[in-house]
């Protein structure tokens, strides 16, 4: 079981680090672990938030992992910082518990790498599947 920790990722410029600070670890199944990017705004409600929840599937032979990111789009109008939109991102995986760990590891690594591939990033930025 992973230990709660801060998460550092690269911004879109692929050079600048962004830290998602650990807020609360999960207290068990169906209770989210939470992180927040505190450098984005002085207003906590205007900061990006990540949540991860895990639980058994119905037959208890797998673990459902759900990650949710809420990234607020902020604009300053007449000197007042306001959230004008939120980009939600959700990712879910069912990780079998009755198979070889090495194969599951490979599947998760490939899926994660596909998600951050140049083509898939373009799909999400543009909002269209490749044609």
N, C-alpha and C. Protein backbone atom coordinates (compact mmCIF):
# COMPACT_ATOMS: atom_id res chain seq x y z
N UNK A 1 0.85 -1.17 0.00
CA UNK A 1 0.00 0.00 0.00
C UNK A 1 0.89 1.24 0.00
N UNK A 2 0.67 2.17 -0.94
CA UNK A 2 1.50 3.37 -1.02
C UNK A 2 1.29 4.28 0.19
N UNK A 3 2.34 5.00 0.54
CA UNK A 3 2.25 6.00 1.60
C UNK A 3 1.93 7.36 1.01
N UNK A 4 1.12 8.13 1.70
CA UNK A 4 0.75 9.47 1.26
C UNK A 4 2.00 10.35 1.18
N UNK A 5 2.10 11.11 0.10
CA UNK A 5 3.23 12.00 -0.11
C UNK A 5 2.84 13.09 -1.09
N UNK A 6 3.61 14.17 -1.13
CA UNK A 6 3.43 15.19 -2.15
C UNK A 6 3.72 14.57 -3.51
N UNK A 7 3.12 15.14 -4.57
CA UNK A 7 3.35 14.68 -5.94
C UNK A 7 3.86 15.85 -6.76
N UNK A 8 4.97 15.66 -7.46
CA UNK A 8 5.53 16.70 -8.33
C UNK A 8 5.34 16.27 -9.77
N UNK A 9 4.76 17.17 -10.58
CA UNK A 9 4.56 16.93 -12.00
C UNK A 9 5.08 18.12 -12.79
N UNK A 10 5.26 17.95 -14.07
CA UNK A 10 5.70 19.04 -14.95
C UNK A 10 4.50 19.81 -15.49
N UNK A 11 4.66 21.11 -15.63
CA UNK A 11 3.66 21.92 -16.31
C UNK A 11 3.71 21.61 -17.81
N UNK A 12 2.82 22.22 -18.58
CA UNK A 12 2.77 22.00 -20.03
C UNK A 12 4.07 22.39 -20.72
N UNK A 13 4.86 23.30 -20.11
CA UNK A 13 6.14 23.69 -20.72
C UNK A 13 7.20 22.60 -20.59
N UNK A 14 6.88 21.53 -19.87
CA UNK A 14 7.74 20.37 -19.64
C UNK A 14 9.05 20.73 -18.94
N UNK A 15 9.08 21.89 -18.28
CA UNK A 15 10.28 22.31 -17.56
C UNK A 15 9.97 22.70 -16.11
N UNK A 16 8.82 23.33 -15.92
CA UNK A 16 8.46 23.86 -14.61
C UNK A 16 7.76 22.79 -13.78
N UNK A 17 8.20 22.63 -12.54
CA UNK A 17 7.56 21.68 -11.64
C UNK A 17 6.34 22.30 -10.96
N UNK A 18 5.32 21.47 -10.75
CA UNK A 18 4.15 21.83 -9.97
C UNK A 18 4.04 20.79 -8.86
N UNK A 19 3.86 21.26 -7.64
CA UNK A 19 3.74 20.35 -6.51
C UNK A 19 2.29 20.28 -6.06
N UNK A 20 1.78 19.06 -6.01
CA UNK A 20 0.47 18.81 -5.42
C UNK A 20 0.75 18.32 -4.00
N UNK A 21 0.42 19.17 -3.04
CA UNK A 21 0.71 18.89 -1.63
C UNK A 21 -0.31 17.92 -1.06
N UNK A 22 0.19 16.96 -0.29
CA UNK A 22 -0.68 15.98 0.37
C UNK A 22 -1.55 16.72 1.38
N UNK A 23 -2.87 16.54 1.28
CA UNK A 23 -3.80 17.15 2.24
C UNK A 23 -4.26 16.13 3.26
N UNK A 24 -4.90 15.06 2.76
CA UNK A 24 -5.42 14.04 3.67
C UNK A 24 -5.22 12.67 3.04
N UNK A 25 -4.66 11.73 3.79
CA UNK A 25 -4.56 10.37 3.28
C UNK A 25 -5.92 9.69 3.37
N UNK A 26 -6.08 8.63 2.63
CA UNK A 26 -7.31 7.85 2.72
C UNK A 26 -7.39 7.16 4.07
N UNK A 27 -8.60 7.10 4.62
CA UNK A 27 -8.81 6.40 5.88
C UNK A 27 -9.29 4.97 5.63
N UNK A 28 -9.26 4.53 4.38
CA UNK A 28 -9.70 3.18 4.03
C UNK A 28 -10.55 3.20 2.77
N UNK A 29 -11.11 2.05 2.44
CA UNK A 29 -11.93 1.93 1.24
C UNK A 29 -13.02 3.00 1.18
N UNK A 30 -13.20 3.53 -0.03
CA UNK A 30 -14.23 4.52 -0.35
C UNK A 30 -14.00 5.88 0.29
N UNK A 31 -12.82 6.09 0.87
CA UNK A 31 -12.47 7.40 1.44
C UNK A 31 -11.30 7.95 0.63
N UNK A 32 -11.49 9.13 0.07
CA UNK A 32 -10.50 9.70 -0.85
C UNK A 32 -9.24 10.19 -0.14
N UNK A 33 -8.11 9.95 -0.78
CA UNK A 33 -6.87 10.66 -0.46
C UNK A 33 -6.93 11.95 -1.28
N UNK A 34 -6.46 13.08 -0.72
CA UNK A 34 -6.58 14.37 -1.40
C UNK A 34 -5.26 15.12 -1.45
N UNK A 35 -5.03 15.77 -2.60
CA UNK A 35 -3.88 16.65 -2.81
C UNK A 35 -4.39 17.97 -3.37
N UNK A 36 -3.58 19.04 -3.19
CA UNK A 36 -3.96 20.34 -3.75
C UNK A 36 -2.69 21.06 -4.20
N UNK A 37 -2.79 21.76 -5.32
CA UNK A 37 -1.69 22.59 -5.82
C UNK A 37 -1.84 23.98 -5.20
N UNK A 38 -1.10 24.21 -4.13
CA UNK A 38 -1.29 25.42 -3.33
C UNK A 38 -0.71 26.69 -3.94
N UNK A 39 0.22 26.57 -4.88
CA UNK A 39 0.87 27.75 -5.45
C UNK A 39 0.02 28.50 -6.47
N UNK A 40 -1.07 27.91 -6.89
CA UNK A 40 -1.88 28.49 -7.97
C UNK A 40 -2.60 29.76 -7.54
N UNK A 41 -3.10 29.78 -6.33
CA UNK A 41 -3.91 30.92 -5.88
C UNK A 41 -3.81 31.05 -4.37
N UNK A 42 -4.01 32.27 -3.89
CA UNK A 42 -4.08 32.51 -2.45
C UNK A 42 -5.41 32.02 -1.88
N UNK A 43 -6.37 31.79 -2.76
CA UNK A 43 -7.71 31.36 -2.35
C UNK A 43 -7.80 29.84 -2.48
N UNK A 44 -7.93 29.12 -1.37
CA UNK A 44 -7.94 27.65 -1.44
C UNK A 44 -8.97 27.08 -2.42
N UNK A 45 -10.15 27.66 -2.52
CA UNK A 45 -11.18 27.14 -3.42
C UNK A 45 -10.82 27.32 -4.89
N UNK A 46 -9.77 28.07 -5.19
CA UNK A 46 -9.35 28.32 -6.57
C UNK A 46 -8.16 27.44 -6.97
N UNK A 47 -7.81 26.49 -6.16
CA UNK A 47 -6.64 25.65 -6.41
C UNK A 47 -7.04 24.29 -6.98
N UNK A 48 -6.23 23.74 -7.89
CA UNK A 48 -6.49 22.40 -8.40
C UNK A 48 -6.45 21.36 -7.28
N UNK A 49 -7.36 20.39 -7.38
CA UNK A 49 -7.48 19.33 -6.37
C UNK A 49 -7.47 17.97 -7.06
N UNK A 50 -6.78 17.01 -6.45
CA UNK A 50 -6.75 15.63 -6.92
C UNK A 50 -7.28 14.74 -5.80
N UNK A 51 -8.14 13.80 -6.17
CA UNK A 51 -8.64 12.80 -5.21
C UNK A 51 -8.47 11.41 -5.80
N UNK A 52 -8.09 10.46 -4.96
CA UNK A 52 -7.99 9.06 -5.37
C UNK A 52 -8.75 8.22 -4.36
N UNK A 53 -9.65 7.37 -4.88
CA UNK A 53 -10.46 6.49 -4.04
C UNK A 53 -10.25 5.06 -4.53
N UNK A 54 -10.21 4.11 -3.59
CA UNK A 54 -10.09 2.71 -3.97
C UNK A 54 -11.11 1.88 -3.19
N UNK A 55 -11.51 0.76 -3.81
CA UNK A 55 -12.46 -0.14 -3.16
C UNK A 55 -12.45 -1.49 -3.89
N UNK A 56 -12.97 -2.52 -3.24
CA UNK A 56 -13.14 -3.80 -3.90
C UNK A 56 -14.21 -3.70 -4.97
N UNK A 57 -14.08 -4.51 -6.03
CA UNK A 57 -15.18 -4.63 -6.97
C UNK A 57 -16.23 -5.56 -6.37
N UNK A 58 -17.34 -5.76 -7.06
CA UNK A 58 -18.45 -6.56 -6.52
C UNK A 58 -18.07 -7.98 -6.17
N UNK A 59 -17.27 -8.64 -7.01
CA UNK A 59 -16.89 -10.03 -6.75
C UNK A 59 -15.64 -10.14 -5.88
N UNK A 60 -15.09 -9.02 -5.49
CA UNK A 60 -13.91 -8.95 -4.61
C UNK A 60 -12.67 -9.64 -5.19
N UNK A 61 -12.59 -9.71 -6.53
CA UNK A 61 -11.39 -10.26 -7.15
C UNK A 61 -10.60 -9.16 -7.87
N UNK A 62 -10.96 -7.92 -7.58
CA UNK A 62 -10.27 -6.77 -8.16
C UNK A 62 -10.47 -5.53 -7.32
N UNK A 63 -9.65 -4.52 -7.57
CA UNK A 63 -9.73 -3.25 -6.85
C UNK A 63 -10.05 -2.16 -7.86
N UNK A 64 -11.09 -1.40 -7.62
CA UNK A 64 -11.46 -0.26 -8.46
C UNK A 64 -10.73 0.97 -7.92
N UNK A 65 -9.93 1.60 -8.78
CA UNK A 65 -9.19 2.80 -8.43
C UNK A 65 -9.77 3.94 -9.26
N UNK A 66 -10.16 5.01 -8.61
CA UNK A 66 -10.71 6.17 -9.32
C UNK A 66 -9.93 7.42 -8.93
N UNK A 67 -9.43 8.13 -9.94
CA UNK A 67 -8.75 9.39 -9.72
C UNK A 67 -9.58 10.50 -10.33
N UNK A 68 -9.73 11.58 -9.60
CA UNK A 68 -10.48 12.73 -10.07
C UNK A 68 -9.63 13.97 -9.89
N UNK A 69 -9.50 14.76 -10.96
CA UNK A 69 -8.79 16.04 -10.90
C UNK A 69 -9.79 17.13 -11.23
N UNK A 70 -9.78 18.17 -10.44
CA UNK A 70 -10.61 19.35 -10.73
C UNK A 70 -9.65 20.53 -10.83
N UNK A 71 -9.52 21.06 -12.06
CA UNK A 71 -8.57 22.14 -12.33
C UNK A 71 -9.35 23.42 -12.65
N UNK A 72 -9.39 24.37 -11.71
CA UNK A 72 -10.14 25.61 -11.95
C UNK A 72 -9.42 26.53 -12.94
N UNK A 73 -10.18 27.15 -13.79
CA UNK A 73 -9.68 28.17 -14.71
C UNK A 73 -10.01 29.52 -14.06
N UNK A 74 -8.97 30.29 -13.80
CA UNK A 74 -9.11 31.52 -13.04
C UNK A 74 -8.89 32.72 -13.93
N UNK A 75 -9.69 33.74 -13.71
CA UNK A 75 -9.57 34.99 -14.45
C UNK A 75 -9.76 36.13 -13.46
N UNK A 76 -8.96 37.19 -13.63
CA UNK A 76 -9.12 38.36 -12.78
C UNK A 76 -9.91 39.41 -13.54
N UNK A 77 -11.05 39.79 -12.98
CA UNK A 77 -11.92 40.79 -13.59
C UNK A 77 -12.11 41.91 -12.59
N UNK A 78 -11.75 43.13 -13.00
CA UNK A 78 -11.85 44.31 -12.12
C UNK A 78 -11.14 44.07 -10.79
N UNK A 79 -9.99 43.39 -10.86
CA UNK A 79 -9.19 43.15 -9.67
C UNK A 79 -9.66 42.01 -8.79
N UNK A 80 -10.71 41.30 -9.20
CA UNK A 80 -11.23 40.20 -8.40
C UNK A 80 -10.95 38.88 -9.11
N UNK A 81 -10.26 37.99 -8.41
CA UNK A 81 -9.96 36.66 -8.95
C UNK A 81 -11.21 35.80 -8.88
N UNK A 82 -11.60 35.23 -10.03
CA UNK A 82 -12.81 34.41 -10.08
C UNK A 82 -12.55 33.12 -10.85
N UNK A 83 -13.23 32.05 -10.44
CA UNK A 83 -13.21 30.80 -11.20
C UNK A 83 -14.26 30.92 -12.29
N UNK A 84 -13.83 30.84 -13.55
CA UNK A 84 -14.79 30.97 -14.66
C UNK A 84 -15.17 29.62 -15.25
N UNK A 85 -14.39 28.59 -14.92
CA UNK A 85 -14.69 27.23 -15.39
C UNK A 85 -13.84 26.26 -14.57
N UNK A 86 -14.21 25.00 -14.62
CA UNK A 86 -13.42 23.94 -14.00
C UNK A 86 -13.24 22.84 -15.03
N UNK A 87 -11.99 22.41 -15.21
CA UNK A 87 -11.71 21.28 -16.09
C UNK A 87 -11.68 20.03 -15.21
N UNK A 88 -12.72 19.18 -15.31
CA UNK A 88 -12.70 17.94 -14.54
C UNK A 88 -12.02 16.84 -15.37
N UNK A 89 -11.26 16.01 -14.71
CA UNK A 89 -10.63 14.87 -15.37
C UNK A 89 -10.81 13.67 -14.48
N UNK A 90 -11.37 12.60 -15.01
CA UNK A 90 -11.60 11.38 -14.25
C UNK A 90 -10.94 10.20 -14.94
N UNK A 91 -10.34 9.34 -14.14
CA UNK A 91 -9.69 8.14 -14.64
C UNK A 91 -10.03 7.00 -13.70
N UNK A 92 -10.40 5.85 -14.27
CA UNK A 92 -10.79 4.71 -13.46
C UNK A 92 -10.15 3.45 -14.01
N UNK A 93 -9.74 2.57 -13.11
CA UNK A 93 -9.17 1.29 -13.53
C UNK A 93 -9.63 0.21 -12.57
N UNK A 94 -9.88 -0.97 -13.11
CA UNK A 94 -10.16 -2.14 -12.29
C UNK A 94 -8.91 -3.01 -12.32
N UNK A 95 -8.25 -3.13 -11.18
CA UNK A 95 -7.00 -3.86 -11.08
C UNK A 95 -7.28 -5.25 -10.51
N UNK A 96 -7.13 -6.31 -11.34
CA UNK A 96 -7.38 -7.66 -10.86
C UNK A 96 -6.44 -8.02 -9.72
N UNK A 97 -6.95 -8.76 -8.75
CA UNK A 97 -6.14 -9.19 -7.61
C UNK A 97 -5.82 -10.67 -7.67
N UNK A 98 -6.30 -11.34 -8.74
CA UNK A 98 -6.12 -12.79 -8.85
C UNK A 98 -5.22 -13.18 -10.02
N UNK A 99 -4.32 -12.27 -10.40
CA UNK A 99 -3.41 -12.53 -11.52
C UNK A 99 -1.99 -12.10 -11.13
N UNK A 100 -1.04 -12.42 -12.00
CA UNK A 100 0.37 -12.10 -11.79
C UNK A 100 0.57 -10.58 -11.69
N UNK A 101 1.22 -10.15 -10.62
CA UNK A 101 1.46 -8.72 -10.37
C UNK A 101 2.29 -8.08 -11.48
N UNK A 102 3.24 -8.82 -12.04
CA UNK A 102 4.09 -8.27 -13.11
C UNK A 102 3.26 -7.89 -14.33
N UNK A 103 2.26 -8.70 -14.66
CA UNK A 103 1.41 -8.39 -15.81
C UNK A 103 0.52 -7.18 -15.52
N UNK A 104 0.01 -7.09 -14.31
CA UNK A 104 -0.79 -5.92 -13.94
C UNK A 104 0.08 -4.67 -13.97
N UNK A 105 1.30 -4.78 -13.47
CA UNK A 105 2.24 -3.65 -13.49
C UNK A 105 2.46 -3.17 -14.91
N UNK A 106 2.67 -4.11 -15.82
CA UNK A 106 2.88 -3.74 -17.23
C UNK A 106 1.66 -3.03 -17.81
N UNK A 107 0.48 -3.56 -17.53
CA UNK A 107 -0.76 -2.95 -18.04
C UNK A 107 -0.93 -1.52 -17.52
N UNK A 108 -0.70 -1.31 -16.23
CA UNK A 108 -0.88 0.02 -15.64
C UNK A 108 0.17 0.99 -16.18
N UNK A 109 1.41 0.55 -16.31
CA UNK A 109 2.45 1.43 -16.85
C UNK A 109 2.16 1.82 -18.30
N UNK A 110 1.74 0.85 -19.10
CA UNK A 110 1.44 1.18 -20.49
C UNK A 110 0.24 2.12 -20.59
N UNK A 111 -0.79 1.89 -19.78
CA UNK A 111 -1.96 2.77 -19.81
C UNK A 111 -1.58 4.19 -19.39
N UNK A 112 -0.78 4.31 -18.34
CA UNK A 112 -0.34 5.62 -17.89
C UNK A 112 0.50 6.33 -18.94
N UNK A 113 1.40 5.59 -19.59
CA UNK A 113 2.23 6.18 -20.62
C UNK A 113 1.41 6.57 -21.85
N UNK A 114 0.39 5.78 -22.18
CA UNK A 114 -0.49 6.17 -23.28
C UNK A 114 -1.22 7.48 -22.95
N UNK A 115 -1.66 7.60 -21.72
CA UNK A 115 -2.40 8.80 -21.31
C UNK A 115 -1.56 10.06 -21.46
N UNK A 116 -0.25 9.97 -21.20
CA UNK A 116 0.60 11.16 -21.31
C UNK A 116 1.35 11.22 -22.64
N UNK A 117 0.99 10.36 -23.59
CA UNK A 117 1.61 10.43 -24.92
C UNK A 117 1.18 11.72 -25.61
N UNK A 118 1.99 12.16 -26.55
CA UNK A 118 1.71 13.40 -27.28
C UNK A 118 0.35 13.35 -27.97
N UNK A 119 0.04 12.22 -28.61
CA UNK A 119 -1.24 12.11 -29.31
C UNK A 119 -2.41 12.21 -28.35
N UNK A 120 -2.37 11.47 -27.24
CA UNK A 120 -3.49 11.50 -26.29
C UNK A 120 -3.62 12.86 -25.61
N UNK A 121 -2.51 13.50 -25.33
CA UNK A 121 -2.60 14.87 -24.77
C UNK A 121 -3.29 15.79 -25.77
N UNK A 122 -2.97 15.65 -27.05
CA UNK A 122 -3.63 16.47 -28.08
C UNK A 122 -5.12 16.19 -28.14
N UNK A 123 -5.50 14.92 -28.01
CA UNK A 123 -6.92 14.56 -28.02
C UNK A 123 -7.66 15.30 -26.91
N UNK A 124 -7.10 15.29 -25.71
CA UNK A 124 -7.76 15.94 -24.58
C UNK A 124 -7.74 17.46 -24.70
N UNK A 125 -6.63 18.03 -25.17
CA UNK A 125 -6.56 19.49 -25.34
C UNK A 125 -7.53 19.97 -26.41
N UNK A 126 -7.57 19.26 -27.55
CA UNK A 126 -8.43 19.68 -28.67
C UNK A 126 -9.88 19.26 -28.49
N UNK A 127 -10.10 18.19 -27.71
CA UNK A 127 -11.47 17.74 -27.49
C UNK A 127 -12.02 16.83 -28.58
N UNK A 128 -11.14 16.25 -29.40
CA UNK A 128 -11.59 15.39 -30.49
C UNK A 128 -10.73 14.13 -30.57
N UNK A 129 -11.35 12.99 -30.87
CA UNK A 129 -10.60 11.77 -31.12
C UNK A 129 -9.88 11.90 -32.47
N UNK A 130 -8.76 11.23 -32.64
CA UNK A 130 -8.03 11.31 -33.91
C UNK A 130 -8.89 10.84 -35.08
N UNK A 131 -8.72 11.50 -36.21
CA UNK A 131 -9.47 11.12 -37.41
C UNK A 131 -8.52 10.73 -38.52
